[in-house]
Amino acid sequence: MEQKSNTFTQIYDIVRQIPYGKVATYGQIAELAGNKRLSRVVGYALHVNPDPDGIPCYRVVNRFGAVSPAFAFGGENRQIGLLEAEGIKVTDGIVDLKQYQWSRRSF
């Protein structure tokens, strides 16, 4: 349980750093947390996010830029609304990663 807690804490710390108006992918967060194969763990951690107001999990999208149809805090339309409120254009549920992806590569 301790390792899971530490991993989740690290994931949450990284997600807090995604700037306003930018997104990151699950795989990018996993890589920044030290293991690029943990993208599903990132998804689970964000699904059980204990502080949705302080940890902007809506800024995390899949590797294609797609929002989550199972966004835990109000559904896909809520995630799209939050992203658009930050000036991120979402077209058919997809964010243009070339334009909006956070460029941070190392933690």
Protein backbone atom coordinates (compact mmCIF):
# COMPACT_ATOMS: atom_id res chain seq x y z
CA MET A 1 0.00 0.00 0.00
CA GLU A 2 2.90 2.36 0.79
CA GLN A 3 4.28 2.15 -2.77
CA LYS A 4 0.84 2.81 -4.29
CA SER A 5 0.42 5.82 -2.01
CA ASN A 6 3.86 7.18 -2.95
CA THR A 7 3.19 6.62 -6.66
CA PHE A 8 -0.18 8.37 -6.47
CA THR A 9 1.36 11.26 -4.54
CA GLN A 10 4.04 11.64 -7.20
CA ILE A 11 1.42 11.51 -9.98
CA TYR A 12 -0.66 14.17 -8.24
CA ASP A 13 2.42 16.38 -7.76
CA ILE A 14 3.20 16.18 -11.48
CA VAL A 15 -0.39 16.86 -12.57
CA ARG A 16 -0.45 19.97 -10.36
CA GLN A 17 2.44 21.31 -12.48
CA ILE A 18 0.59 21.15 -15.81
CA PRO A 19 0.18 24.83 -16.68
CA TYR A 20 -3.13 26.55 -17.32
CA GLY A 21 -3.98 26.17 -21.01
CA LYS A 22 -1.87 23.02 -21.48
CA VAL A 23 -2.49 19.27 -21.34
CA ALA A 24 -0.34 16.21 -20.73
CA THR A 25 -0.88 12.57 -21.66
CA TYR A 26 -1.23 9.66 -19.28
CA GLY A 27 2.01 8.22 -20.67
CA GLN A 28 3.82 11.53 -20.25
CA ILE A 29 2.78 11.69 -16.58
CA ALA A 30 3.86 8.05 -16.11
CA GLU A 31 7.25 8.77 -17.65
CA LEU A 32 7.73 11.85 -15.48
CA ALA A 33 6.84 9.68 -12.46
CA GLY A 34 9.64 7.31 -13.41
CA ASN A 35 7.98 4.48 -15.33
CA LYS A 36 6.48 5.14 -18.76
CA ARG A 37 4.62 1.80 -18.56
CA LEU A 38 2.38 3.02 -15.74
CA SER A 39 -0.07 5.04 -17.83
CA ARG A 40 -3.00 2.91 -16.64
CA VAL A 41 -1.95 3.55 -13.04
CA VAL A 42 -1.99 7.27 -13.83
CA GLY A 43 -5.53 6.87 -15.13
CA TYR A 44 -6.62 5.03 -12.01
CA ALA A 45 -4.93 7.58 -9.71
CA LEU A 46 -6.74 10.41 -11.48
CA HIS A 47 -10.04 8.55 -11.32
CA VAL A 48 -9.75 8.48 -7.52
CA ASN A 49 -8.31 12.01 -7.31
CA PRO A 50 -8.85 13.15 -3.70
CA ASP A 51 -8.72 16.87 -4.60
CA PRO A 52 -10.23 17.62 -8.04
CA ASP A 53 -10.10 21.37 -7.37
CA GLY A 54 -6.38 21.28 -6.53
CA ILE A 55 -5.25 18.50 -8.86
CA PRO A 56 -6.36 19.43 -12.40
CA CYS A 57 -6.86 15.91 -13.73
CA TYR A 58 -9.00 17.29 -16.55
CA ARG A 59 -5.73 18.47 -18.15
CA VAL A 60 -4.70 14.85 -18.78
CA VAL A 61 -5.70 13.25 -22.09
CA ASN A 62 -4.76 10.06 -23.90
CA ARG A 63 -1.85 9.71 -26.31
CA PHE A 64 -4.04 10.85 -29.21
CA GLY A 65 -5.28 13.92 -27.34
CA ALA A 66 -8.69 12.43 -26.64
CA VAL A 67 -10.58 13.38 -23.51
CA SER A 68 -11.86 10.63 -21.25
CA PRO A 69 -15.39 9.37 -21.91
CA ALA A 70 -15.36 8.25 -18.25
CA PHE A 71 -14.07 11.51 -16.73
CA ALA A 72 -14.76 10.90 -13.05
CA PHE A 73 -15.74 14.44 -12.17
CA GLY A 74 -18.72 15.13 -14.38
CA GLY A 75 -18.16 13.15 -17.56
CA GLU A 76 -16.63 13.88 -20.94
CA ASN A 77 -18.58 17.10 -21.51
CA ARG A 78 -17.42 18.47 -18.15
CA GLN A 79 -13.77 17.76 -19.06
CA ILE A 80 -14.24 19.46 -22.43
CA GLY A 81 -15.85 22.46 -20.73
CA LEU A 82 -12.98 22.81 -18.26
CA LEU A 83 -10.39 22.61 -21.04
CA GLU A 84 -12.25 25.10 -23.24
CA ALA A 85 -12.53 27.49 -20.29
CA GLU A 86 -8.72 27.58 -20.34
CA GLY A 87 -8.65 28.38 -24.05
CA ILE A 88 -7.87 24.83 -25.18
CA LYS A 89 -9.72 24.01 -28.37
CA VAL A 90 -11.37 20.58 -28.31
CA THR A 91 -12.65 19.24 -31.63
CA ASP A 92 -14.76 16.08 -31.57
CA GLY A 93 -13.31 15.22 -28.15
CA ILE A 94 -9.70 15.66 -29.31
CA VAL A 95 -7.10 18.22 -28.23
CA ASP A 96 -4.34 19.11 -30.71
CA LEU A 97 -1.26 17.90 -28.83
CA LYS A 98 1.11 19.80 -31.13
CA GLN A 99 -0.49 23.01 -29.97
CA TYR A 100 -1.49 22.33 -26.37
CA GLN A 101 0.77 19.61 -24.95
CA TRP A 102 2.89 20.60 -21.98
CA SER A 103 6.52 20.40 -23.06
CA ARG A 104 8.02 19.31 -19.75
CA ARG A 105 9.92 16.08 -20.32
CA SER A 106 11.74 15.51 -17.04
CA PHE A 107 10.77 15.83 -13.41
